[in-house]
């Protein structure tokens, strides 16, 4: 706490830009998944979970990711149990660097 009219050296503050992952999701036949979901979680350590809905062309983008390792899972719209019981075939492990814009196309196994 500082008094009014005084200055306090708080040291060096560094702000890192977050990374992102984006791409197109399709089913095993190559058909784009409109309305499906992509979920990104941290496999260990701090809890992070973000799910987004694929657009009409099966595209997704998740931004603001801290550098680190994530699990990413794609699911068709009719598969509501993917977060609780994800198929290991549909789960990918990715590493996002500071400021990286990682392109990753995803495909379901079913």
PDB file of N, CA and C in Angstrom:
ATOM      1  N   UNK A   1       0.844  -1.163   0.000  1.00  0.00           N
ATOM      2  CA  UNK A   1       0.000   0.000   0.000  1.00  0.00           C
ATOM      3  C   UNK A   1       0.891   1.228   0.000  1.00  0.00           C
ATOM      4  N   UNK A   2       0.515   2.195  -0.808  1.00  0.00           N
ATOM      5  CA  UNK A   2       1.292   3.429  -0.863  1.00  0.00           C
ATOM      6  C   UNK A   2       0.421   4.615  -0.487  1.00  0.00           C
ATOM      7  N   UNK A   3       1.087   5.629  -0.014  1.00  0.00           N
ATOM      8  CA  UNK A   3       0.378   6.856   0.347  1.00  0.00           C
ATOM      9  C   UNK A   3       0.181   7.711  -0.892  1.00  0.00           C
ATOM     10  N   UNK A   4      -0.836   8.511  -0.881  1.00  0.00           N
ATOM     11  CA  UNK A   4      -1.136   9.418  -1.981  1.00  0.00           C
ATOM     12  C   UNK A   4       0.047  10.340  -2.237  1.00  0.00           C
ATOM     13  N   UNK A   5       0.399  10.492  -3.520  1.00  0.00           N
ATOM     14  CA  UNK A   5       1.485  11.395  -3.881  1.00  0.00           C
ATOM     15  C   UNK A   5       2.856  10.762  -3.837  1.00  0.00           C
ATOM     16  N   UNK A   6       2.965   9.472  -3.504  1.00  0.00           N
ATOM     17  CA  UNK A   6       4.256   8.798  -3.481  1.00  0.00           C
ATOM     18  C   UNK A   6       4.307   7.776  -4.616  1.00  0.00           C
ATOM     19  N   UNK A   7       5.503   7.312  -4.906  1.00  0.00           N
ATOM     20  CA  UNK A   7       5.673   6.273  -5.924  1.00  0.00           C
ATOM     21  C   UNK A   7       6.291   5.042  -5.293  1.00  0.00           C
ATOM     22  N   UNK A   8       5.948   3.917  -5.831  1.00  0.00           N
ATOM     23  CA  UNK A   8       6.480   2.646  -5.343  1.00  0.00           C
ATOM     24  C   UNK A   8       6.975   1.838  -6.532  1.00  0.00           C
ATOM     25  N   UNK A   9       8.199   1.342  -6.452  1.00  0.00           N
ATOM     26  CA  UNK A   9       8.751   0.496  -7.510  1.00  0.00           C
ATOM     27  C   UNK A   9       8.194  -0.911  -7.321  1.00  0.00           C
ATOM     28  N   UNK A  10       7.388  -1.373  -8.275  1.00  0.00           N
ATOM     29  CA  UNK A  10       6.809  -2.719  -8.194  1.00  0.00           C
ATOM     30  C   UNK A  10       7.599  -3.716  -9.030  1.00  0.00           C
ATOM     31  N   UNK A  11       8.727  -3.280  -9.571  1.00  0.00           N
ATOM     32  CA  UNK A  11       9.546  -4.176 -10.364  1.00  0.00           C
ATOM     33  C   UNK A  11       9.124  -4.148 -11.826  1.00  0.00           C
ATOM     34  N   UNK A  12       9.570  -5.148 -12.544  1.00  0.00           N
ATOM     35  CA  UNK A  12       9.292  -5.245 -13.980  1.00  0.00           C
ATOM     36  C   UNK A  12       8.020  -6.054 -14.193  1.00  0.00           C
ATOM     37  N   UNK A  13       7.120  -5.535 -14.992  1.00  0.00           N
ATOM     38  CA  UNK A  13       5.890  -6.242 -15.335  1.00  0.00           C
ATOM     39  C   UNK A  13       5.965  -6.626 -16.801  1.00  0.00           C
ATOM     40  N   UNK A  14       5.787  -7.916 -17.093  1.00  0.00           N
ATOM     41  CA  UNK A  14       5.856  -8.418 -18.459  1.00  0.00           C
ATOM     42  C   UNK A  14       4.500  -9.005 -18.818  1.00  0.00           C
ATOM     43  N   UNK A  15       3.981  -8.597 -19.957  1.00  0.00           N
ATOM     44  CA  UNK A  15       2.706  -9.129 -20.433  1.00  0.00           C
ATOM     45  C   UNK A  15       2.989  -9.943 -21.694  1.00  0.00           C
ATOM     46  N   UNK A  16       2.615 -11.204 -21.679  1.00  0.00           N
ATOM     47  CA  UNK A  16       2.812 -12.079 -22.822  1.00  0.00           C
ATOM     48  C   UNK A  16       1.508 -12.198 -23.607  1.00  0.00           C
ATOM     49  N   UNK A  17       1.634 -12.187 -24.924  1.00  0.00           N
ATOM     50  CA  UNK A  17       0.431 -12.385 -25.729  1.00  0.00           C
ATOM     51  C   UNK A  17       0.059 -13.858 -25.687  1.00  0.00           C
ATOM     52  N   UNK A  18      -1.217 -14.123 -25.606  1.00  0.00           N
ATOM     53  CA  UNK A  18      -1.690 -15.503 -25.567  1.00  0.00           C
ATOM     54  C   UNK A  18      -1.595 -16.148 -26.935  1.00  0.00           C
ATOM     55  N   UNK A  19      -1.540 -17.454 -26.943  1.00  0.00           N
ATOM     56  CA  UNK A  19      -1.530 -18.204 -28.186  1.00  0.00           C
ATOM     57  C   UNK A  19      -2.945 -18.576 -28.590  1.00  0.00           C
ATOM     58  N   UNK A  20      -3.071 -19.163 -29.760  1.00  0.00           N
ATOM     59  CA  UNK A  20      -4.386 -19.609 -30.223  1.00  0.00           C
ATOM     60  C   UNK A  20      -4.231 -20.873 -31.047  1.00  0.00           C
ATOM     61  N   UNK A  21      -5.330 -21.583 -31.181  1.00  0.00           N
ATOM     62  CA  UNK A  21      -5.397 -22.767 -32.040  1.00  0.00           C
ATOM     63  C   UNK A  21      -6.654 -22.626 -32.886  1.00  0.00           C
ATOM     64  N   UNK A  22      -6.524 -22.972 -34.164  1.00  0.00           N
ATOM     65  CA  UNK A  22      -7.669 -22.861 -35.064  1.00  0.00           C
ATOM     66  C   UNK A  22      -7.568 -23.935 -36.149  1.00  0.00           C
ATOM     67  N   UNK A  23      -8.686 -24.165 -36.823  1.00  0.00           N
ATOM     68  CA  UNK A  23      -8.681 -25.124 -37.916  1.00  0.00           C
ATOM     69  C   UNK A  23     -10.085 -25.493 -38.331  1.00  0.00           C
ATOM     70  N   UNK A  24     -10.181 -26.632 -38.999  1.00  0.00           N
ATOM     71  CA  UNK A  24     -11.445 -27.161 -39.497  1.00  0.00           C
ATOM     72  C   UNK A  24     -11.610 -28.562 -38.932  1.00  0.00           C
ATOM     73  N   UNK A  25     -12.827 -28.897 -38.532  1.00  0.00           N
ATOM     74  CA  UNK A  25     -13.114 -30.229 -37.993  1.00  0.00           C
ATOM     75  C   UNK A  25     -14.029 -30.974 -38.959  1.00  0.00           C
ATOM     76  N   UNK A  26     -13.752 -32.262 -39.117  1.00  0.00           N
ATOM     77  CA  UNK A  26     -14.560 -33.091 -40.006  1.00  0.00           C
ATOM     78  C   UNK A  26     -14.784 -34.463 -39.388  1.00  0.00           C
ATOM     79  N   UNK A  27     -15.735 -35.206 -39.965  1.00  0.00           N
ATOM     80  CA  UNK A  27     -15.975 -36.574 -39.500  1.00  0.00           C
ATOM     81  C   UNK A  27     -15.021 -37.519 -40.223  1.00  0.00           C
ATOM     82  N   UNK A  28     -15.118 -38.816 -39.944  1.00  0.00           N
ATOM     83  CA  UNK A  28     -14.185 -39.780 -40.522  1.00  0.00           C
ATOM     84  C   UNK A  28     -14.295 -39.883 -42.040  1.00  0.00           C
ATOM     85  N   UNK A  29     -15.407 -39.407 -42.615  1.00  0.00           N
ATOM     86  CA  UNK A  29     -15.596 -39.428 -44.063  1.00  0.00           C
ATOM     87  C   UNK A  29     -15.155 -38.125 -44.730  1.00  0.00           C
ATOM     88  N   UNK A  30     -14.659 -37.183 -43.944  1.00  0.00           N
ATOM     89  CA  UNK A  30     -14.196 -35.923 -44.488  1.00  0.00           C
ATOM     90  C   UNK A  30     -15.256 -34.841 -44.576  1.00  0.00           C
ATOM     91  N   UNK A  31     -16.465 -35.115 -44.083  1.00  0.00           N
ATOM     92  CA  UNK A  31     -17.535 -34.118 -44.074  1.00  0.00           C
ATOM     93  C   UNK A  31     -17.310 -33.150 -42.922  1.00  0.00           C
ATOM     94  N   UNK A  32     -17.407 -31.865 -43.197  1.00  0.00           N
ATOM     95  CA  UNK A  32     -17.197 -30.866 -42.154  1.00  0.00           C
ATOM     96  C   UNK A  32     -18.289 -30.954 -41.096  1.00  0.00           C
ATOM     97  N   UNK A  33     -17.873 -30.756 -39.837  1.00  0.00           N
ATOM     98  CA  UNK A  33     -18.790 -30.872 -38.697  1.00  0.00           C
ATOM     99  C   UNK A  33     -19.398 -29.532 -38.333  1.00  0.00           C
ATOM    100  N   UNK A  34     -20.539 -29.245 -38.870  1.00  0.00           N
ATOM    101  CA  UNK A  34     -21.271 -28.043 -38.533  1.00  0.00           C
ATOM    102  C   UNK A  34     -21.977 -28.257 -37.201  1.00  0.00           C
ATOM    103  N   UNK A  35     -21.807 -27.321 -36.254  1.00  0.00           N
ATOM    104  CA  UNK A  35     -22.514 -27.404 -34.976  1.00  0.00           C
ATOM    105  C   UNK A  35     -21.897 -28.338 -33.958  1.00  0.00           C
ATOM    106  N   UNK A  36     -20.817 -29.019 -34.294  1.00  0.00           N
ATOM    107  CA  UNK A  36     -20.129 -29.860 -33.318  1.00  0.00           C
ATOM    108  C   UNK A  36     -19.363 -28.991 -32.338  1.00  0.00           C
ATOM    109  N   UNK A  37     -18.544 -29.596 -31.520  1.00  0.00           N
ATOM    110  CA  UNK A  37     -17.786 -28.841 -30.529  1.00  0.00           C
ATOM    111  C   UNK A  37     -16.307 -29.206 -30.549  1.00  0.00           C
ATOM    112  N   UNK A  38     -15.508 -28.262 -30.113  1.00  0.00           N
ATOM    113  CA  UNK A  38     -14.088 -28.485 -29.850  1.00  0.00           C
ATOM    114  C   UNK A  38     -13.859 -28.068 -28.402  1.00  0.00           C
ATOM    115  N   UNK A  39     -13.220 -28.941 -27.637  1.00  0.00           N
ATOM    116  CA  UNK A  39     -12.943 -28.682 -26.227  1.00  0.00           C
ATOM    117  C   UNK A  39     -11.440 -28.721 -25.994  1.00  0.00           C
ATOM    118  N   UNK A  40     -10.935 -27.704 -25.308  1.00  0.00           N
ATOM    119  CA  UNK A  40      -9.521 -27.631 -24.948  1.00  0.00           C
ATOM    120  C   UNK A  40      -9.433 -27.664 -23.430  1.00  0.00           C
ATOM    121  N   UNK A  41      -8.587 -28.551 -22.904  1.00  0.00           N
ATOM    122  CA  UNK A  41      -8.379 -28.675 -21.458  1.00  0.00           C
ATOM    123  C   UNK A  41      -6.883 -28.818 -21.175  1.00  0.00           C
ATOM    124  N   UNK A  42      -6.508 -28.567 -19.929  1.00  0.00           N
ATOM    125  CA  UNK A  42      -5.137 -28.855 -19.511  1.00  0.00           C
ATOM    126  C   UNK A  42      -5.122 -30.283 -18.985  1.00  0.00           C
ATOM    127  N   UNK A  43      -4.154 -31.082 -19.428  1.00  0.00           N
ATOM    128  CA  UNK A  43      -4.130 -32.481 -18.992  1.00  0.00           C
ATOM    129  C   UNK A  43      -3.707 -32.653 -17.535  1.00  0.00           C
ATOM    130  N   UNK A  44      -2.881 -31.769 -17.024  1.00  0.00           N
ATOM    131  CA  UNK A  44      -2.371 -31.876 -15.644  1.00  0.00           C
ATOM    132  C   UNK A  44      -2.238 -30.487 -15.048  1.00  0.00           C
ATOM    133  N   UNK A  45      -2.166 -30.421 -13.744  1.00  0.00           N
ATOM    134  CA  UNK A  45      -1.925 -29.139 -13.089  1.00  0.00           C
ATOM    135  C   UNK A  45      -3.176 -28.294 -12.989  1.00  0.00           C
ATOM    136  N   UNK A  46      -3.045 -27.010 -13.323  1.00  0.00           N
ATOM    137  CA  UNK A  46      -4.165 -26.086 -13.174  1.00  0.00           C
ATOM    138  C   UNK A  46      -5.307 -26.472 -14.111  1.00  0.00           C
ATOM    139  N   UNK A  47      -6.516 -26.245 -13.653  1.00  0.00           N
ATOM    140  CA  UNK A  47      -7.697 -26.619 -14.417  1.00  0.00           C
ATOM    141  C   UNK A  47      -8.032 -25.547 -15.440  1.00  0.00           C
ATOM    142  N   UNK A  48      -8.103 -25.942 -16.687  1.00  0.00           N
ATOM    143  CA  UNK A  48      -8.526 -25.061 -17.769  1.00  0.00           C
ATOM    144  C   UNK A  48      -9.455 -25.857 -18.666  1.00  0.00           C
ATOM    145  N   UNK A  49     -10.598 -25.282 -18.988  1.00  0.00           N
ATOM    146  CA  UNK A  49     -11.575 -25.956 -19.838  1.00  0.00           C
ATOM    147  C   UNK A  49     -12.307 -24.901 -20.660  1.00  0.00           C
ATOM    148  N   UNK A  50     -12.266 -25.054 -21.977  1.00  0.00           N
ATOM    149  CA  UNK A  50     -13.021 -24.154 -22.850  1.00  0.00           C
ATOM    150  C   UNK A  50     -13.608 -24.985 -23.995  1.00  0.00           C
ATOM    151  N   UNK A  51     -14.912 -24.840 -24.211  1.00  0.00           N
ATOM    152  CA  UNK A  51     -15.602 -25.523 -25.305  1.00  0.00           C
ATOM    153  C   UNK A  51     -16.230 -24.484 -26.208  1.00  0.00           C
ATOM    154  N   UNK A  52     -16.038 -24.658 -27.507  1.00  0.00           N
ATOM    155  CA  UNK A  52     -16.662 -23.763 -28.474  1.00  0.00           C
ATOM    156  C   UNK A  52     -17.428 -24.600 -29.494  1.00  0.00           C
ATOM    157  N   UNK A  53     -18.407 -23.972 -30.124  1.00  0.00           N
ATOM    158  CA  UNK A  53     -19.215 -24.623 -31.151  1.00  0.00           C
ATOM    159  C   UNK A  53     -18.616 -24.322 -32.518  1.00  0.00           C
ATOM    160  N   UNK A  54     -18.527 -25.353 -33.342  1.00  0.00           N
ATOM    161  CA  UNK A  54     -18.020 -25.193 -34.702  1.00  0.00           C
ATOM    162  C   UNK A  54     -19.002 -24.381 -35.529  1.00  0.00           C
ATOM    163  N   UNK A  55     -18.503 -23.566 -36.442  1.00  0.00           N
ATOM    164  CA  UNK A  55     -19.405 -22.779 -37.282  1.00  0.00           C
ATOM    165  C   UNK A  55     -19.989 -23.652 -38.388  1.00  0.00           C
ATOM    166  N   UNK A  56     -20.752 -23.062 -39.285  1.00  0.00           N
ATOM    167  CA  UNK A  56     -21.448 -23.801 -40.345  1.00  0.00           C
ATOM    168  C   UNK A  56     -20.491 -24.505 -41.303  1.00  0.00           C
ATOM    169  N   UNK A  57     -19.240 -24.066 -41.346  1.00  0.00           N
ATOM    170  CA  UNK A  57     -18.240 -24.696 -42.217  1.00  0.00           C
ATOM    171  C   UNK A  57     -17.268 -25.577 -41.435  1.00  0.00           C
ATOM    172  N   UNK A  58     -17.585 -25.860 -40.166  1.00  0.00           N
ATOM    173  CA  UNK A  58     -16.750 -26.724 -39.341  1.00  0.00           C
ATOM    174  C   UNK A  58     -15.497 -26.058 -38.814  1.00  0.00           C
ATOM    175  N   UNK A  59     -15.447 -24.735 -38.844  1.00  0.00           N
ATOM    176  CA  UNK A  59     -14.254 -24.007 -38.403  1.00  0.00           C
ATOM    177  C   UNK A  59     -14.344 -23.663 -36.910  1.00  0.00           C
ATOM    178  N   UNK A  60     -13.159 -23.543 -36.302  1.00  0.00           N
ATOM    179  CA  UNK A  60     -13.083 -23.144 -34.895  1.00  0.00           C
ATOM    180  C   UNK A  60     -11.847 -22.290 -34.673  1.00  0.00           C
ATOM    181  N   UNK A  61     -11.856 -21.513 -33.603  1.00  0.00           N
ATOM    182  CA  UNK A  61     -10.698 -20.752 -33.134  1.00  0.00           C
ATOM    183  C   UNK A  61     -10.841 -20.576 -31.635  1.00  0.00           C
ATOM    184  N   UNK A  62      -9.782 -20.912 -30.919  1.00  0.00           N
ATOM    185  CA  UNK A  62      -9.729 -20.688 -29.474  1.00  0.00           C
ATOM    186  C   UNK A  62      -8.491 -19.843 -29.211  1.00  0.00           C
ATOM    187  N   UNK A  63      -8.700 -18.658 -28.659  1.00  0.00           N
ATOM    188  CA  UNK A  63      -7.615 -17.692 -28.444  1.00  0.00           C
ATOM    189  C   UNK A  63      -7.384 -17.466 -26.956  1.00  0.00           C
ATOM    190  N   UNK A  64      -6.304 -16.760 -26.664  1.00  0.00           N
ATOM    191  CA  UNK A  64      -5.991 -16.389 -25.284  1.00  0.00           C
ATOM    192  C   UNK A  64      -5.422 -17.523 -24.465  1.00  0.00           C
ATOM    193  N   UNK A  65      -4.744 -18.470 -25.116  1.00  0.00           N
ATOM    194  CA  UNK A  65      -4.178 -19.618 -24.403  1.00  0.00           C
ATOM    195  C   UNK A  65      -2.778 -19.282 -23.888  1.00  0.00           C
ATOM    196  N   UNK A  66      -2.535 -19.569 -22.635  1.00  0.00           N
ATOM    197  CA  UNK A  66      -1.189 -19.415 -22.077  1.00  0.00           C
ATOM    198  C   UNK A  66      -0.292 -20.485 -22.693  1.00  0.00           C
ATOM    199  N   UNK A  67       0.992 -20.227 -22.754  1.00  0.00           N
ATOM    200  CA  UNK A  67       1.919 -21.229 -23.281  1.00  0.00           C
ATOM    201  C   UNK A  67       1.813 -22.494 -22.437  1.00  0.00           C
ATOM    202  N   UNK A  68       1.756 -23.631 -23.102  1.00  0.00           N
ATOM    203  CA  UNK A  68       1.674 -24.892 -22.380  1.00  0.00           C
ATOM    204  C   UNK A  68       1.050 -26.000 -23.195  1.00  0.00           C
ATOM    205  N   UNK A  69       0.892 -27.134 -22.542  1.00  0.00           N
ATOM    206  CA  UNK A  69       0.331 -28.330 -23.168  1.00  0.00           C
ATOM    207  C   UNK A  69      -1.154 -28.413 -22.880  1.00  0.00           C
ATOM    208  N   UNK A  70      -1.927 -28.771 -23.905  1.00  0.00           N
ATOM    209  CA  UNK A  70      -3.374 -28.897 -23.802  1.00  0.00           C
ATOM    210  C   UNK A  70      -3.825 -30.180 -24.483  1.00  0.00           C
ATOM    211  N   UNK A  71      -4.976 -30.672 -24.059  1.00  0.00           N
ATOM    212  CA  UNK A  71      -5.676 -31.737 -24.774  1.00  0.00           C
ATOM    213  C   UNK A  71      -6.780 -31.066 -25.556  1.00  0.00           C
ATOM    214  N   UNK A  72      -6.970 -31.497 -26.804  1.00  0.00           N
ATOM    215  CA  UNK A  72      -8.018 -30.936 -27.645  1.00  0.00           C
ATOM    216  C   UNK A  72      -8.849 -32.088 -28.195  1.00  0.00           C
ATOM    217  N   UNK A  73     -10.171 -31.933 -28.118  1.00  0.00           N
ATOM    218  CA  UNK A  73     -11.093 -32.997 -28.489  1.00  0.00           C
ATOM    219  C   UNK A  73     -12.181 -32.418 -29.382  1.00  0.00           C
ATOM    220  N   UNK A  74     -12.491 -33.103 -30.468  1.00  0.00           N
ATOM    221  CA  UNK A  74     -13.570 -32.682 -31.355  1.00  0.00           C
ATOM    222  C   UNK A  74     -14.707 -33.687 -31.225  1.00  0.00           C
ATOM    223  N   UNK A  75     -15.934 -33.192 -31.303  1.00  0.00           N
ATOM    224  CA  UNK A  75     -17.104 -34.073 -31.223  1.00  0.00           C
ATOM    225  C   UNK A  75     -18.186 -33.575 -32.169  1.00  0.00           C
ATOM    226  N   UNK A  76     -18.879 -34.510 -32.785  1.00  0.00           N
ATOM    227  CA  UNK A  76     -20.031 -34.168 -33.612  1.00  0.00           C
ATOM    228  C   UNK A  76     -21.141 -33.654 -32.700  1.00  0.00           C
ATOM    229  N   UNK A  77     -22.075 -32.902 -33.255  1.00  0.00           N
ATOM    230  CA  UNK A  77     -23.154 -32.292 -32.472  1.00  0.00           C
ATOM    231  C   UNK A  77     -23.958 -33.319 -31.691  1.00  0.00           C
ATOM    232  N   UNK A  78     -24.144 -34.506 -32.234  1.00  0.00           N
ATOM    233  CA  UNK A  78     -24.968 -35.507 -31.562  1.00  0.00           C
ATOM    234  C   UNK A  78     -24.246 -36.248 -30.442  1.00  0.00           C
ATOM    235  N   UNK A  79     -22.938 -36.045 -30.285  1.00  0.00           N
ATOM    236  CA  UNK A  79     -22.174 -36.728 -29.242  1.00  0.00           C
ATOM    237  C   UNK A  79     -22.002 -35.801 -28.045  1.00  0.00           C
ATOM    238  N   UNK A  80     -22.928 -35.855 -27.093  1.00  0.00           N
ATOM    239  CA  UNK A  80     -22.913 -34.952 -25.943  1.00  0.00           C
ATOM    240  C   UNK A  80     -22.014 -35.415 -24.808  1.00  0.00           C
ATOM    241  N   UNK A  81     -21.529 -36.648 -24.824  1.00  0.00           N
ATOM    242  CA  UNK A  81     -20.747 -37.194 -23.720  1.00  0.00           C
ATOM    243  C   UNK A  81     -19.244 -37.075 -23.922  1.00  0.00           C
ATOM    244  N   UNK A  82     -18.803 -36.288 -24.901  1.00  0.00           N
ATOM    245  CA  UNK A  82     -17.379 -36.241 -25.208  1.00  0.00           C
ATOM    246  C   UNK A  82     -16.530 -35.705 -24.053  1.00  0.00           C
ATOM    247  N   UNK A  83     -17.015 -34.756 -23.268  1.00  0.00           N
ATOM    248  CA  UNK A  83     -16.202 -34.238 -22.173  1.00  0.00           C
ATOM    249  C   UNK A  83     -16.063 -35.260 -21.056  1.00  0.00           C
ATOM    250  N   UNK A  84     -17.142 -35.951 -20.721  1.00  0.00           N
ATOM    251  CA  UNK A  84     -17.090 -36.940 -19.646  1.00  0.00           C
ATOM    252  C   UNK A  84     -16.380 -38.221 -20.083  1.00  0.00           C
ATOM    253  N   UNK A  85     -16.575 -38.629 -21.325  1.00  0.00           N
ATOM    254  CA  UNK A  85     -16.025 -39.892 -21.821  1.00  0.00           C
ATOM    255  C   UNK A  85     -15.435 -39.703 -23.217  1.00  0.00           C
ATOM    256  N   UNK A  86     -14.346 -38.938 -23.330  1.00  0.00           N
ATOM    257  CA  UNK A  86     -13.789 -38.691 -24.661  1.00  0.00           C
ATOM    258  C   UNK A  86     -13.158 -39.941 -25.261  1.00  0.00           C
ATOM    259  N   UNK A  87     -13.314 -40.103 -26.548  1.00  0.00           N
ATOM    260  CA  UNK A  87     -12.658 -41.192 -27.253  1.00  0.00           C
ATOM    261  C   UNK A  87     -11.173 -40.871 -27.342  1.00  0.00           C
ATOM    262  N   UNK A  88     -10.334 -41.796 -26.960  1.00  0.00           N
ATOM    263  CA  UNK A  88      -8.886 -41.563 -27.029  1.00  0.00           C
ATOM    264  C   UNK A  88      -8.447 -41.316 -28.469  1.00  0.00           C
ATOM    265  N   UNK A  89      -9.174 -41.893 -29.437  1.00  0.00           N
ATOM    266  CA  UNK A  89      -8.839 -41.694 -30.850  1.00  0.00           C
ATOM    267  C   UNK A  89      -9.092 -40.256 -31.289  1.00  0.00           C
ATOM    268  N   UNK A  90     -10.000 -39.557 -30.616  1.00  0.00           N
ATOM    269  CA  UNK A  90     -10.344 -38.185 -30.986  1.00  0.00           C
ATOM    270  C   UNK A  90      -9.566 -37.145 -30.184  1.00  0.00           C
ATOM    271  N   UNK A  91      -8.841 -37.559 -29.167  1.00  0.00           N
ATOM    272  CA  UNK A  91      -8.091 -36.642 -28.303  1.00  0.00           C
ATOM    273  C   UNK A  91      -6.682 -36.445 -28.851  1.00  0.00           C
ATOM    274  N   UNK A  92      -6.277 -35.188 -28.939  1.00  0.00           N
ATOM    275  CA  UNK A  92      -4.934 -34.837 -29.392  1.00  0.00           C
ATOM    276  C   UNK A  92      -4.251 -34.029 -28.299  1.00  0.00           C
ATOM    277  N   UNK A  93      -2.943 -34.145 -28.229  1.00  0.00           N
ATOM    278  CA  UNK A  93      -2.154 -33.336 -27.310  1.00  0.00           C
ATOM    279  C   UNK A  93      -1.424 -32.288 -28.143  1.00  0.00           C
ATOM    280  N   UNK A  94      -1.502 -31.031 -27.702  1.00  0.00           N
ATOM    281  CA  UNK A  94      -0.840 -29.952 -28.427  1.00  0.00           C
ATOM    282  C   UNK A  94      -0.028 -29.120 -27.453  1.00  0.00           C
ATOM    283  N   UNK A  95       0.966 -28.433 -27.988  1.00  0.00           N
ATOM    284  CA  UNK A  95       1.722 -27.473 -27.201  1.00  0.00           C
ATOM    285  C   UNK A  95       1.581 -26.121 -27.893  1.00  0.00           C
ATOM    286  N   UNK A  96       1.170 -25.105 -27.137  1.00  0.00           N
ATOM    287  CA  UNK A  96       1.001 -23.756 -27.665  1.00  0.00           C
ATOM    288  C   UNK A  96       2.104 -22.876 -27.092  1.00  0.00           C
ATOM    289  N   UNK A  97       2.840 -22.203 -27.966  1.00  0.00           N
ATOM    290  CA  UNK A  97       3.881 -21.264 -27.562  1.00  0.00           C
ATOM    291  C   UNK A  97       3.297 -19.875 -27.358  1.00  0.00           C
ATOM    292  N   UNK A  98       4.031 -19.019 -26.685  1.00  0.00           N
ATOM    293  CA  UNK A  98       3.620 -17.635 -26.480  1.00  0.00           C
ATOM    294  C   UNK A  98       3.402 -16.983 -27.839  1.00  0.00           C
ATOM    295  N   UNK A  99       2.221 -16.407 -28.050  1.00  0.00           N
ATOM    296  CA  UNK A  99       1.913 -15.690 -29.282  1.00  0.00           C
ATOM    297  C   UNK A  99       1.703 -16.555 -30.511  1.00  0.00           C
ATOM    298  N   UNK A 100       1.768 -17.860 -30.380  1.00  0.00           N
ATOM    299  CA  UNK A 100       1.627 -18.758 -31.532  1.00  0.00           C
ATOM    300  C   UNK A 100       0.180 -18.850 -31.999  1.00  0.00           C
ATOM    301  N   UNK A 101      -0.018 -18.940 -33.313  1.00  0.00           N
ATOM    302  CA  UNK A 101      -1.329 -19.181 -33.910  1.00  0.00           C
ATOM    303  C   UNK A 101      -1.238 -20.544 -34.590  1.00  0.00           C
ATOM    304  N   UNK A 102      -1.546 -21.584 -33.839  1.00  0.00           N
ATOM    305  CA  UNK A 102      -1.389 -22.964 -34.282  1.00  0.00           C
ATOM    306  C   UNK A 102      -2.581 -23.398 -35.126  1.00  0.00           C
ATOM    307  N   UNK A 103      -2.315 -23.885 -36.334  1.00  0.00           N
ATOM    308  CA  UNK A 103      -3.378 -24.423 -37.181  1.00  0.00           C
ATOM    309  C   UNK A 103      -3.418 -25.932 -36.991  1.00  0.00           C
ATOM    310  N   UNK A 104      -4.607 -26.446 -36.649  1.00  0.00           N
ATOM    311  CA  UNK A 104      -4.773 -27.869 -36.403  1.00  0.00           C
ATOM    312  C   UNK A 104      -6.147 -28.297 -36.910  1.00  0.00           C
ATOM    313  N   UNK A 105      -6.158 -29.082 -37.980  1.00  0.00           N
ATOM    314  CA  UNK A 105      -7.407 -29.632 -38.488  1.00  0.00           C
ATOM    315  C   UNK A 105      -7.697 -30.918 -37.723  1.00  0.00           C
ATOM    316  N   UNK A 106      -8.937 -31.091 -37.326  1.00  0.00           N
ATOM    317  CA  UNK A 106      -9.337 -32.214 -36.491  1.00  0.00           C
ATOM    318  C   UNK A 106     -10.314 -33.116 -37.214  1.00  0.00           C
ATOM    319  N   UNK A 107     -10.312 -34.410 -36.831  1.00  0.00           N
ATOM    320  CA  UNK A 107     -11.220 -35.372 -37.432  1.00  0.00           C
ATOM    321  C   UNK A 107     -11.697 -36.344 -36.360  1.00  0.00           C
ATOM    322  N   UNK A 108     -13.013 -36.627 -36.357  1.00  0.00           N
ATOM    323  CA  UNK A 108     -13.553 -37.595 -35.410  1.00  0.00           C
ATOM    324  C   UNK A 108     -13.271 -39.005 -35.917  1.00  0.00           C
ATOM    325  N   UNK A 109     -13.262 -39.972 -35.015  1.00  0.00           N
ATOM    326  CA  UNK A 109     -13.041 -41.361 -35.394  1.00  0.00           C
ATOM    327  C   UNK A 109     -14.346 -42.068 -35.729  1.00  0.00           C
ATOM    328  N   UNK A 110     -15.466 -41.436 -35.404  1.00  0.00           N
ATOM    329  CA  UNK A 110     -16.765 -42.073 -35.662  1.00  0.00           C
ATOM    330  C   UNK A 110     -17.488 -41.382 -36.793  1.00  0.00           C
TER     331      UNK A 110
END
